[in-house]
Amino acid sequence: MLYQVPFYSQSWDLDNWNELGFESYSQAEYWERSSCGVLCLKMAMDYFKSITYHPLSPTIFKLIQHGLQLNAYSDQSGWSHSGLIALAGELGFNAKQTTITSPQQLKSALDLGQLPIISIKWAFAPTKTLKERLLFWKKFGGHLALVVGYLALGDQVIGFYVHHTSKIPHQNWISRLVLIDQFSSGFTGRSIIISKL
């Protein structure tokens, strides 16, 4: 199963900062590296809008401004899950925060036509941080990605298809299949499930 979800990169043409809607090059550069959460939300919303023939969601600049008004973002911790949920709700979507404990749970959400935004280590890196080694029962992410499908053999999930947005061009993955071992090692379990009203 693979949904045809639009992909938006974090790698922007910063020389055209004014066309992107920003007030300066430095403002655009800041948001280029700080937009994974809101870009994942935009991808999910625009998928649901496209299949119901509705106009797409606002520009990334407008979504960022709206998110800032809702206190959905902070310099210290980035885009909060609760903030992205509030932003989705304001724009007419159902969104809920959940902890995913198994591949089957993630597969079930996709089978129901929902799109999960997941908290991950950058590019599903398998290495453990010092914090994770000390607090071995927890996983820490720092990046968000959108799950757009899965590959299964019978009831067994082989891997998940992921939109992974990045300011590094070669790390922009469009529907990249991440096999289950790598996926599980880089996924924190924290998720936002997006669905249409």
N, C-alpha and C. Protein backbone atom coordinates (compact mmCIF):
# COMPACT_ATOMS: atom_id res chain seq x y z
N MET A 1 0.85 -1.19 0.00
CA MET A 1 0.00 0.00 0.00
C MET A 1 0.88 1.24 0.00
N LEU A 2 0.58 2.14 -0.91
CA LEU A 2 1.36 3.38 -1.01
C LEU A 2 0.44 4.51 -1.46
N TYR A 3 0.27 5.51 -0.60
CA TYR A 3 -0.54 6.67 -0.95
C TYR A 3 0.28 7.66 -1.78
N GLN A 4 -0.37 8.28 -2.74
CA GLN A 4 0.30 9.24 -3.62
C GLN A 4 0.26 10.64 -2.97
N VAL A 5 1.12 10.81 -2.00
CA VAL A 5 1.16 12.03 -1.19
C VAL A 5 2.17 13.00 -1.80
N PRO A 6 1.82 14.27 -1.96
CA PRO A 6 2.80 15.22 -2.49
C PRO A 6 3.99 15.35 -1.55
N PHE A 7 5.14 15.65 -2.11
CA PHE A 7 6.36 15.79 -1.31
C PHE A 7 6.85 17.23 -1.39
N TYR A 8 7.22 17.80 -0.23
CA TYR A 8 7.79 19.14 -0.16
C TYR A 8 9.15 19.08 0.53
N SER A 9 10.13 19.60 -0.15
CA SER A 9 11.51 19.54 0.34
C SER A 9 11.80 20.68 1.30
N GLN A 10 12.75 20.42 2.19
CA GLN A 10 13.31 21.46 3.05
C GLN A 10 14.48 22.18 2.38
N SER A 11 14.85 21.75 1.21
CA SER A 11 15.95 22.35 0.48
C SER A 11 15.38 23.42 -0.45
N TRP A 12 15.53 24.68 -0.06
CA TRP A 12 14.89 25.78 -0.76
C TRP A 12 15.91 26.60 -1.55
N ASP A 13 15.42 27.34 -2.53
CA ASP A 13 16.26 28.30 -3.25
C ASP A 13 16.23 29.60 -2.43
N LEU A 14 17.20 29.73 -1.54
CA LEU A 14 17.19 30.85 -0.60
C LEU A 14 17.40 32.20 -1.27
N ASP A 15 17.97 32.21 -2.47
CA ASP A 15 18.12 33.47 -3.19
C ASP A 15 16.77 34.08 -3.54
N ASN A 16 15.75 33.24 -3.57
CA ASN A 16 14.38 33.72 -3.84
C ASN A 16 13.56 33.80 -2.56
N TRP A 17 14.21 34.24 -1.47
CA TRP A 17 13.54 34.30 -0.16
C TRP A 17 12.28 35.15 -0.19
N ASN A 18 12.30 36.23 -0.97
CA ASN A 18 11.11 37.10 -0.99
C ASN A 18 9.94 36.43 -1.71
N GLU A 19 10.23 35.63 -2.74
CA GLU A 19 9.15 34.91 -3.43
C GLU A 19 8.57 33.81 -2.54
N LEU A 20 9.38 33.31 -1.63
CA LEU A 20 8.89 32.31 -0.68
C LEU A 20 8.01 32.95 0.40
N GLY A 21 8.05 34.29 0.50
CA GLY A 21 7.21 35.01 1.45
C GLY A 21 7.95 35.54 2.66
N PHE A 22 9.26 35.26 2.75
CA PHE A 22 10.01 35.66 3.94
C PHE A 22 10.50 37.10 3.84
N GLU A 23 10.87 37.65 4.99
CA GLU A 23 11.28 39.05 5.06
C GLU A 23 12.76 39.25 4.76
N SER A 24 13.54 38.18 4.81
CA SER A 24 14.98 38.29 4.57
C SER A 24 15.56 36.92 4.23
N TYR A 25 16.77 36.94 3.70
CA TYR A 25 17.49 35.70 3.42
C TYR A 25 17.69 34.91 4.71
N SER A 26 18.10 35.60 5.78
CA SER A 26 18.39 34.90 7.03
C SER A 26 17.13 34.27 7.64
N GLN A 27 15.98 34.94 7.49
CA GLN A 27 14.74 34.35 7.99
C GLN A 27 14.39 33.08 7.22
N ALA A 28 14.54 33.14 5.89
CA ALA A 28 14.26 31.95 5.07
C ALA A 28 15.23 30.82 5.41
N GLU A 29 16.50 31.16 5.63
CA GLU A 29 17.51 30.16 5.97
C GLU A 29 17.18 29.49 7.30
N TYR A 30 16.72 30.28 8.27
CA TYR A 30 16.34 29.72 9.57
C TYR A 30 15.21 28.70 9.40
N TRP A 31 14.17 29.08 8.65
CA TRP A 31 13.01 28.21 8.52
C TRP A 31 13.27 27.04 7.59
N GLU A 32 14.23 27.17 6.69
CA GLU A 32 14.60 26.03 5.86
C GLU A 32 15.05 24.86 6.74
N ARG A 33 15.83 25.15 7.77
CA ARG A 33 16.33 24.07 8.63
C ARG A 33 15.37 23.75 9.79
N SER A 34 14.26 24.48 9.90
CA SER A 34 13.36 24.32 11.05
C SER A 34 11.92 24.03 10.64
N SER A 35 11.75 23.42 9.48
CA SER A 35 10.38 23.30 8.95
C SER A 35 9.91 21.87 8.76
N CYS A 36 10.64 20.87 9.27
CA CYS A 36 10.24 19.48 8.99
C CYS A 36 8.82 19.19 9.47
N GLY A 37 8.47 19.65 10.66
CA GLY A 37 7.16 19.35 11.21
C GLY A 37 6.02 19.95 10.42
N VAL A 38 6.16 21.21 10.08
CA VAL A 38 5.07 21.88 9.37
C VAL A 38 5.01 21.42 7.91
N LEU A 39 6.15 21.02 7.34
CA LEU A 39 6.13 20.47 5.98
C LEU A 39 5.44 19.11 5.96
N CYS A 40 5.70 18.27 6.96
CA CYS A 40 5.00 16.98 7.05
C CYS A 40 3.50 17.20 7.15
N LEU A 41 3.09 18.16 7.96
CA LEU A 41 1.66 18.45 8.10
C LEU A 41 1.08 18.93 6.78
N LYS A 42 1.80 19.80 6.08
CA LYS A 42 1.32 20.30 4.79
C LYS A 42 1.18 19.17 3.77
N MET A 43 2.14 18.25 3.75
CA MET A 43 2.06 17.12 2.82
C MET A 43 0.80 16.30 3.09
N ALA A 44 0.55 16.00 4.37
CA ALA A 44 -0.64 15.21 4.73
C ALA A 44 -1.91 15.96 4.37
N MET A 45 -2.01 17.22 4.73
CA MET A 45 -3.22 17.99 4.45
C MET A 45 -3.46 18.11 2.96
N ASP A 46 -2.39 18.36 2.20
CA ASP A 46 -2.56 18.53 0.75
C ASP A 46 -2.95 17.22 0.07
N TYR A 47 -2.53 16.10 0.63
CA TYR A 47 -2.99 14.82 0.09
C TYR A 47 -4.51 14.71 0.26
N PHE A 48 -5.01 14.97 1.46
CA PHE A 48 -6.45 14.85 1.70
C PHE A 48 -7.23 15.88 0.88
N LYS A 49 -6.67 17.07 0.73
CA LYS A 49 -7.34 18.09 -0.07
C LYS A 49 -7.39 17.68 -1.55
N SER A 50 -6.29 17.10 -2.05
CA SER A 50 -6.23 16.74 -3.47
C SER A 50 -7.22 15.63 -3.81
N ILE A 51 -7.41 14.66 -2.91
CA ILE A 51 -8.32 13.55 -3.24
C ILE A 51 -9.78 13.96 -3.10
N THR A 52 -10.03 15.11 -2.47
CA THR A 52 -11.40 15.61 -2.38
C THR A 52 -11.60 16.86 -3.25
N TYR A 53 -10.60 17.12 -4.11
CA TYR A 53 -10.66 18.22 -5.09
C TYR A 53 -10.86 19.59 -4.45
N HIS A 54 -10.20 19.79 -3.32
CA HIS A 54 -10.22 21.09 -2.65
C HIS A 54 -8.90 21.81 -2.90
N PRO A 55 -8.91 23.15 -2.82
CA PRO A 55 -7.64 23.89 -2.96
C PRO A 55 -6.65 23.45 -1.89
N LEU A 56 -5.37 23.49 -2.23
CA LEU A 56 -4.34 23.05 -1.30
C LEU A 56 -4.24 23.99 -0.10
N SER A 57 -3.54 23.52 0.92
CA SER A 57 -3.37 24.30 2.15
C SER A 57 -2.53 25.55 1.87
N PRO A 58 -2.48 26.49 2.82
CA PRO A 58 -1.70 27.72 2.62
C PRO A 58 -0.22 27.42 2.36
N THR A 59 0.49 28.44 1.87
CA THR A 59 1.93 28.31 1.61
C THR A 59 2.66 27.97 2.90
N ILE A 60 3.88 27.47 2.76
CA ILE A 60 4.66 27.11 3.94
C ILE A 60 4.90 28.34 4.82
N PHE A 61 5.13 29.50 4.20
CA PHE A 61 5.33 30.72 4.98
C PHE A 61 4.08 31.03 5.81
N LYS A 62 2.91 30.92 5.21
CA LYS A 62 1.67 31.22 5.94
C LYS A 62 1.41 30.18 7.04
N LEU A 63 1.74 28.92 6.76
CA LEU A 63 1.57 27.89 7.79
C LEU A 63 2.50 28.14 8.97
N ILE A 64 3.73 28.55 8.68
CA ILE A 64 4.67 28.87 9.76
C ILE A 64 4.13 30.02 10.60
N GLN A 65 3.64 31.08 9.95
CA GLN A 65 3.11 32.23 10.69
C GLN A 65 1.92 31.83 11.55
N HIS A 66 1.04 31.00 11.00
CA HIS A 66 -0.12 30.54 11.75
C HIS A 66 0.33 29.70 12.94
N GLY A 67 1.32 28.83 12.70
CA GLY A 67 1.84 28.00 13.78
C GLY A 67 2.46 28.82 14.90
N LEU A 68 3.17 29.89 14.53
CA LEU A 68 3.78 30.76 15.54
C LEU A 68 2.70 31.45 16.38
N GLN A 69 1.60 31.83 15.75
CA GLN A 69 0.49 32.44 16.50
C GLN A 69 -0.10 31.46 17.52
N LEU A 70 -0.02 30.17 17.21
CA LEU A 70 -0.56 29.14 18.11
C LEU A 70 0.49 28.63 19.11
N ASN A 71 1.67 29.25 19.09
CA ASN A 71 2.79 28.79 19.95
C ASN A 71 3.13 27.32 19.68
N ALA A 72 3.07 26.93 18.41
CA ALA A 72 3.34 25.55 18.01
C ALA A 72 4.83 25.29 17.84
N TYR A 73 5.65 26.33 17.89
CA TYR A 73 7.08 26.19 17.63
C TYR A 73 7.87 26.97 18.67
N SER A 74 9.01 26.40 19.08
CA SER A 74 9.94 27.16 19.91
C SER A 74 11.36 26.88 19.43
N ASP A 75 12.24 27.86 19.65
CA ASP A 75 13.65 27.71 19.26
C ASP A 75 14.29 26.50 19.92
N GLN A 76 13.95 26.24 21.16
CA GLN A 76 14.60 25.19 21.93
C GLN A 76 14.18 23.79 21.49
N SER A 77 12.88 23.60 21.24
CA SER A 77 12.39 22.23 20.99
C SER A 77 11.76 22.03 19.62
N GLY A 78 11.72 23.04 18.79
CA GLY A 78 11.16 22.89 17.45
C GLY A 78 9.63 22.84 17.46
N TRP A 79 9.06 22.11 16.51
CA TRP A 79 7.61 22.01 16.39
C TRP A 79 7.09 21.00 17.41
N SER A 80 6.18 21.45 18.26
CA SER A 80 5.61 20.55 19.26
C SER A 80 4.48 19.73 18.63
N HIS A 81 4.32 18.52 19.12
CA HIS A 81 3.23 17.68 18.61
C HIS A 81 1.88 18.33 18.91
N SER A 82 1.73 18.86 20.11
CA SER A 82 0.45 19.49 20.45
C SER A 82 0.19 20.72 19.58
N GLY A 83 1.25 21.45 19.25
CA GLY A 83 1.11 22.62 18.39
C GLY A 83 0.71 22.25 16.97
N LEU A 84 1.31 21.21 16.42
CA LEU A 84 0.94 20.76 15.08
C LEU A 84 -0.50 20.23 15.06
N ILE A 85 -0.91 19.59 16.15
CA ILE A 85 -2.28 19.12 16.25
C ILE A 85 -3.26 20.29 16.27
N ALA A 86 -2.91 21.34 17.02
CA ALA A 86 -3.75 22.54 17.06
C ALA A 86 -3.83 23.19 15.68
N LEU A 87 -2.69 23.26 14.99
CA LEU A 87 -2.66 23.87 13.65
C LEU A 87 -3.52 23.05 12.68
N ALA A 88 -3.40 21.73 12.73
CA ALA A 88 -4.23 20.88 11.86
C ALA A 88 -5.71 21.09 12.15
N GLY A 89 -6.06 21.18 13.43
CA GLY A 89 -7.46 21.39 13.81
C GLY A 89 -8.00 22.70 13.30
N GLU A 90 -7.19 23.75 13.39
CA GLU A 90 -7.62 25.07 12.90
C GLU A 90 -7.88 25.05 11.39
N LEU A 91 -7.18 24.14 10.69
CA LEU A 91 -7.32 24.07 9.23
C LEU A 91 -8.29 22.98 8.79
N GLY A 92 -9.03 22.42 9.75
CA GLY A 92 -10.12 21.51 9.40
C GLY A 92 -9.78 20.04 9.32
N PHE A 93 -8.73 19.62 10.03
CA PHE A 93 -8.33 18.21 10.00
C PHE A 93 -8.38 17.60 11.39
N ASN A 94 -8.62 16.31 11.42
CA ASN A 94 -8.50 15.56 12.67
C ASN A 94 -7.03 15.23 12.88
N ALA A 95 -6.56 15.41 14.08
CA ALA A 95 -5.18 15.06 14.42
C ALA A 95 -5.14 14.63 15.87
N LYS A 96 -4.41 13.55 16.12
CA LYS A 96 -4.28 13.09 17.51
C LYS A 96 -2.88 12.58 17.74
N GLN A 97 -2.41 12.78 18.95
CA GLN A 97 -1.09 12.31 19.34
C GLN A 97 -1.22 10.91 19.90
N THR A 98 -0.30 10.04 19.52
CA THR A 98 -0.36 8.67 20.02
C THR A 98 1.05 8.08 20.10
N THR A 99 1.19 7.04 20.87
CA THR A 99 2.43 6.29 20.93
C THR A 99 2.23 4.97 20.19
N ILE A 100 3.04 4.76 19.17
CA ILE A 100 2.97 3.54 18.36
C ILE A 100 3.89 2.50 18.99
N THR A 101 3.35 1.34 19.30
CA THR A 101 4.14 0.32 19.98
C THR A 101 4.46 -0.88 19.10
N SER A 102 3.89 -0.93 17.88
CA SER A 102 4.16 -2.06 17.00
C SER A 102 3.97 -1.64 15.54
N PRO A 103 4.64 -2.33 14.62
CA PRO A 103 4.41 -2.06 13.19
C PRO A 103 2.95 -2.26 12.80
N GLN A 104 2.27 -3.23 13.42
CA GLN A 104 0.87 -3.48 13.09
C GLN A 104 -0.01 -2.28 13.41
N GLN A 105 0.32 -1.57 14.48
CA GLN A 105 -0.46 -0.40 14.86
C GLN A 105 -0.32 0.70 13.81
N LEU A 106 0.89 0.88 13.31
CA LEU A 106 1.13 1.86 12.26
C LEU A 106 0.45 1.44 10.96
N LYS A 107 0.54 0.17 10.64
CA LYS A 107 -0.12 -0.37 9.45
C LYS A 107 -1.63 -0.15 9.53
N SER A 108 -2.21 -0.38 10.71
CA SER A 108 -3.66 -0.21 10.88
C SER A 108 -4.10 1.22 10.62
N ALA A 109 -3.30 2.19 11.08
CA ALA A 109 -3.62 3.59 10.82
C ALA A 109 -3.64 3.86 9.32
N LEU A 110 -2.64 3.35 8.60
CA LEU A 110 -2.59 3.54 7.15
C LEU A 110 -3.76 2.84 6.46
N ASP A 111 -4.12 1.65 6.93
CA ASP A 111 -5.26 0.92 6.36
C ASP A 111 -6.57 1.70 6.52
N LEU A 112 -6.63 2.51 7.57
CA LEU A 112 -7.83 3.33 7.82
C LEU A 112 -7.81 4.64 7.02
N GLY A 113 -6.77 4.84 6.22
CA GLY A 113 -6.68 6.05 5.41
C GLY A 113 -6.08 7.22 6.16
N GLN A 114 -5.38 6.95 7.26
CA GLN A 114 -4.75 8.00 8.06
C GLN A 114 -3.28 8.10 7.69
N LEU A 115 -2.70 9.29 7.90
CA LEU A 115 -1.28 9.51 7.62
C LEU A 115 -0.56 9.85 8.91
N PRO A 116 0.42 9.06 9.31
CA PRO A 116 1.17 9.33 10.54
C PRO A 116 2.40 10.21 10.30
N ILE A 117 2.51 11.28 11.08
CA ILE A 117 3.75 12.04 11.19
C ILE A 117 4.49 11.42 12.37
N ILE A 118 5.74 11.01 12.14
CA ILE A 118 6.45 10.27 13.18
C ILE A 118 7.73 11.00 13.61
N SER A 119 8.06 10.84 14.87
CA SER A 119 9.29 11.39 15.43
C SER A 119 10.40 10.37 15.23
N ILE A 120 11.50 10.81 14.60
CA ILE A 120 12.58 9.88 14.26
C ILE A 120 13.94 10.49 14.55
N LYS A 121 14.95 9.64 14.54
CA LYS A 121 16.32 10.10 14.44
C LYS A 121 16.55 10.49 12.97
N TRP A 122 17.39 11.49 12.76
CA TRP A 122 17.61 12.00 11.41
C TRP A 122 17.97 10.83 10.47
N ALA A 123 17.20 10.69 9.39
CA ALA A 123 17.42 9.67 8.36
C ALA A 123 17.45 8.25 8.94
N PHE A 124 16.74 8.05 10.07
CA PHE A 124 16.66 6.75 10.73
C PHE A 124 18.04 6.23 11.12
N ALA A 125 18.90 7.13 11.57
CA ALA A 125 20.25 6.74 11.99
C ALA A 125 20.17 5.72 13.11
N PRO A 126 20.98 4.65 13.05
CA PRO A 126 20.90 3.60 14.06
C PRO A 126 21.70 3.89 15.33
N THR A 127 22.53 4.93 15.33
CA THR A 127 23.39 5.19 16.48
C THR A 127 22.59 5.74 17.66
N LYS A 128 23.06 5.44 18.88
CA LYS A 128 22.41 5.93 20.09
C LYS A 128 23.18 7.13 20.63
N THR A 129 22.41 8.15 21.05
CA THR A 129 23.03 9.31 21.67
C THR A 129 23.45 8.96 23.10
N LEU A 130 24.28 9.81 23.69
CA LEU A 130 24.67 9.62 25.09
C LEU A 130 23.44 9.60 25.99
N LYS A 131 22.49 10.49 25.71
CA LYS A 131 21.26 10.55 26.49
C LYS A 131 20.50 9.23 26.42
N GLU A 132 20.48 8.63 25.23
CA GLU A 132 19.79 7.34 25.07
C GLU A 132 20.54 6.21 25.77
N ARG A 133 21.86 6.29 25.78
CA ARG A 133 22.63 5.25 26.45
C ARG A 133 22.43 5.32 27.97
N LEU A 134 22.26 6.55 28.49
CA LEU A 134 22.03 6.71 29.92
C LEU A 134 20.59 6.36 30.30
N LEU A 135 19.65 6.82 29.46
CA LEU A 135 18.23 6.54 29.70
C LEU A 135 17.80 5.49 28.68
N PHE A 136 18.26 4.25 28.87
CA PHE A 136 18.18 3.22 27.84
C PHE A 136 16.76 2.82 27.48
N TRP A 137 15.78 3.18 28.32
CA TRP A 137 14.40 2.80 28.04
C TRP A 137 13.69 3.83 27.15
N LYS A 138 14.38 4.92 26.81
CA LYS A 138 13.76 5.96 25.98
C LYS A 138 14.49 6.11 24.66
N LYS A 139 13.72 6.56 23.65
CA LYS A 139 14.32 6.91 22.36
C LYS A 139 14.08 8.39 22.12
N PHE A 140 15.10 9.07 21.64
CA PHE A 140 14.99 10.50 21.37
C PHE A 140 15.11 10.74 19.86
N GLY A 141 14.25 11.61 19.34
CA GLY A 141 14.22 11.87 17.91
C GLY A 141 14.91 13.16 17.54
N GLY A 142 14.11 14.16 17.21
CA GLY A 142 14.66 15.43 16.79
C GLY A 142 14.26 15.80 15.37
N HIS A 143 13.69 14.84 14.64
CA HIS A 143 13.26 15.10 13.27
C HIS A 143 11.89 14.47 13.08
N LEU A 144 11.11 15.00 12.15
CA LEU A 144 9.80 14.44 11.84
C LEU A 144 9.74 14.01 10.39
N ALA A 145 9.04 12.92 10.14
CA ALA A 145 8.85 12.39 8.79
C ALA A 145 7.41 11.94 8.66
N LEU A 146 6.98 11.71 7.42
CA LEU A 146 5.59 11.31 7.15
C LEU A 146 5.59 9.90 6.56
N VAL A 147 4.81 9.01 7.17
CA VAL A 147 4.68 7.65 6.65
C VAL A 147 3.55 7.65 5.62
N VAL A 148 3.85 7.14 4.40
CA VAL A 148 2.88 7.23 3.30
C VAL A 148 2.46 5.85 2.78
N GLY A 149 2.96 4.78 3.40
CA GLY A 149 2.56 3.45 2.96
C GLY A 149 3.39 2.38 3.64
N TYR A 150 3.15 1.14 3.25
CA TYR A 150 3.90 0.03 3.83
C TYR A 150 4.03 -1.09 2.81
N LEU A 151 5.01 -1.96 3.04
CA LEU A 151 5.18 -3.19 2.27
C LEU A 151 5.02 -4.34 3.25
N ALA A 152 4.13 -5.28 2.91
CA ALA A 152 3.88 -6.41 3.81
C ALA A 152 3.87 -7.71 3.03
N LEU A 153 4.23 -8.77 3.69
CA LEU A 153 4.14 -10.12 3.16
C LEU A 153 3.18 -10.86 4.08
N GLY A 154 1.96 -11.03 3.62
CA GLY A 154 0.91 -11.56 4.49
C GLY A 154 0.65 -10.56 5.61
N ASP A 155 0.73 -11.01 6.85
CA ASP A 155 0.52 -10.12 7.99
C ASP A 155 1.81 -9.47 8.47
N GLN A 156 2.93 -9.85 7.89
CA GLN A 156 4.22 -9.34 8.36
C GLN A 156 4.62 -8.08 7.59
N VAL A 157 4.86 -7.01 8.34
CA VAL A 157 5.30 -5.75 7.73
C VAL A 157 6.80 -5.85 7.43
N ILE A 158 7.15 -5.63 6.17
CA ILE A 158 8.55 -5.68 5.72
C ILE A 158 9.22 -4.33 5.92
N GLY A 159 8.45 -3.26 5.71
CA GLY A 159 8.98 -1.90 5.85
C GLY A 159 7.90 -0.87 5.60
N PHE A 160 8.26 0.39 5.83
CA PHE A 160 7.33 1.49 5.62
C PHE A 160 7.89 2.46 4.59
N TYR A 161 7.00 3.00 3.76
CA TYR A 161 7.37 4.04 2.81
C TYR A 161 7.28 5.38 3.51
N VAL A 162 8.33 6.19 3.37
CA VAL A 162 8.45 7.41 4.15
C VAL A 162 8.80 8.60 3.26
N HIS A 163 8.13 9.72 3.50
CA HIS A 163 8.58 11.01 2.99
C HIS A 163 9.49 11.62 4.06
N HIS A 164 10.76 11.77 3.75
CA HIS A 164 11.75 12.32 4.68
C HIS A 164 12.27 13.61 4.07
N THR A 165 11.90 14.73 4.67
CA THR A 165 12.28 16.02 4.12
C THR A 165 13.54 16.53 4.82
N SER A 166 14.39 17.19 4.04
CA SER A 166 15.69 17.61 4.56
C SER A 166 16.19 18.82 3.79
N LYS A 167 17.05 19.62 4.44
CA LYS A 167 17.70 20.71 3.71
C LYS A 167 18.90 20.20 2.92
N ILE A 168 19.30 18.94 3.19
CA ILE A 168 20.37 18.29 2.44
C ILE A 168 19.73 17.58 1.25
N PRO A 169 20.00 18.01 0.02
CA PRO A 169 19.25 17.49 -1.13
C PRO A 169 19.16 15.97 -1.22
N HIS A 170 20.26 15.24 -0.99
CA HIS A 170 20.19 13.78 -1.18
C HIS A 170 19.46 13.06 -0.04
N GLN A 171 19.11 13.79 1.01
CA GLN A 171 18.32 13.18 2.09
C GLN A 171 16.84 13.52 1.98
N ASN A 172 16.44 14.08 0.86
CA ASN A 172 15.02 14.24 0.57
C ASN A 172 14.54 12.94 -0.06
N TRP A 173 13.83 12.16 0.73
CA TRP A 173 13.36 10.84 0.29
C TRP A 173 11.88 10.92 -0.04
N ILE A 174 11.55 10.58 -1.25
CA ILE A 174 10.15 10.55 -1.68
C ILE A 174 9.70 9.10 -1.70
N SER A 175 8.79 8.75 -0.82
CA SER A 175 8.27 7.38 -0.73
C SER A 175 9.40 6.36 -0.64
N ARG A 176 10.42 6.65 0.16
CA ARG A 176 11.54 5.72 0.34
C ARG A 176 11.12 4.56 1.24
N LEU A 177 11.38 3.35 0.78
CA LEU A 177 11.09 2.18 1.61
C LEU A 177 12.19 2.04 2.65
N VAL A 178 11.79 2.11 3.93
CA VAL A 178 12.72 1.90 5.03
C VAL A 178 12.37 0.56 5.65
N LEU A 179 13.30 -0.40 5.53
CA LEU A 179 13.03 -1.74 6.04
C LEU A 179 12.84 -1.73 7.55
N ILE A 180 12.09 -2.71 8.04
CA ILE A 180 11.56 -2.65 9.39
C ILE A 180 12.63 -2.54 10.47
N ASP A 181 13.78 -3.20 10.30
CA ASP A 181 14.82 -3.11 11.33
C ASP A 181 15.36 -1.70 11.45
N GLN A 182 15.67 -1.08 10.31
CA GLN A 182 16.16 0.30 10.33
C GLN A 182 15.08 1.24 10.81
N PHE A 183 13.85 1.01 10.35
CA PHE A 183 12.73 1.86 10.75
C PHE A 183 12.56 1.82 12.27
N SER A 184 12.54 0.62 12.83
CA SER A 184 12.31 0.47 14.27
C SER A 184 13.44 1.08 15.09
N SER A 185 14.67 1.01 14.60
CA SER A 185 15.80 1.56 15.36
C SER A 185 15.80 3.08 15.35
N GLY A 186 15.21 3.70 14.32
CA GLY A 186 15.22 5.16 14.23
C GLY A 186 13.93 5.84 14.63
N PHE A 187 12.86 5.06 14.86
CA PHE A 187 11.54 5.60 15.19
C PHE A 187 11.37 5.61 16.71
N THR A 188 10.97 6.75 17.25
CA THR A 188 10.84 6.89 18.71
C THR A 188 9.54 6.29 19.25
N GLY A 189 8.56 6.07 18.38
CA GLY A 189 7.25 5.62 18.82
C GLY A 189 6.24 6.75 18.93
N ARG A 190 6.73 7.98 19.00
CA ARG A 190 5.81 9.12 19.10
C ARG A 190 5.28 9.51 17.72
N SER A 191 4.00 9.78 17.67
CA SER A 191 3.35 9.98 16.36
C SER A 191 2.18 10.92 16.47
N ILE A 192 1.89 11.58 15.36
CA ILE A 192 0.66 12.36 15.20
C ILE A 192 -0.08 11.73 14.04
N ILE A 193 -1.31 11.32 14.26
CA ILE A 193 -2.11 10.68 13.22
C ILE A 193 -3.05 11.73 12.63
N ILE A 194 -2.92 11.95 11.31
CA ILE A 194 -3.71 12.96 10.61
C ILE A 194 -4.77 12.26 9.77
N SER A 195 -5.99 12.79 9.82
CA SER A 195 -7.05 12.28 8.95
C SER A 195 -7.98 13.43 8.59
N LYS A 196 -8.74 13.21 7.52
CA LYS A 196 -9.70 14.26 7.12
C LYS A 196 -10.91 14.19 8.03
N LEU A 197 -11.63 15.31 8.09
CA LEU A 197 -12.84 15.35 8.91
C LEU A 197 -13.94 14.48 8.31
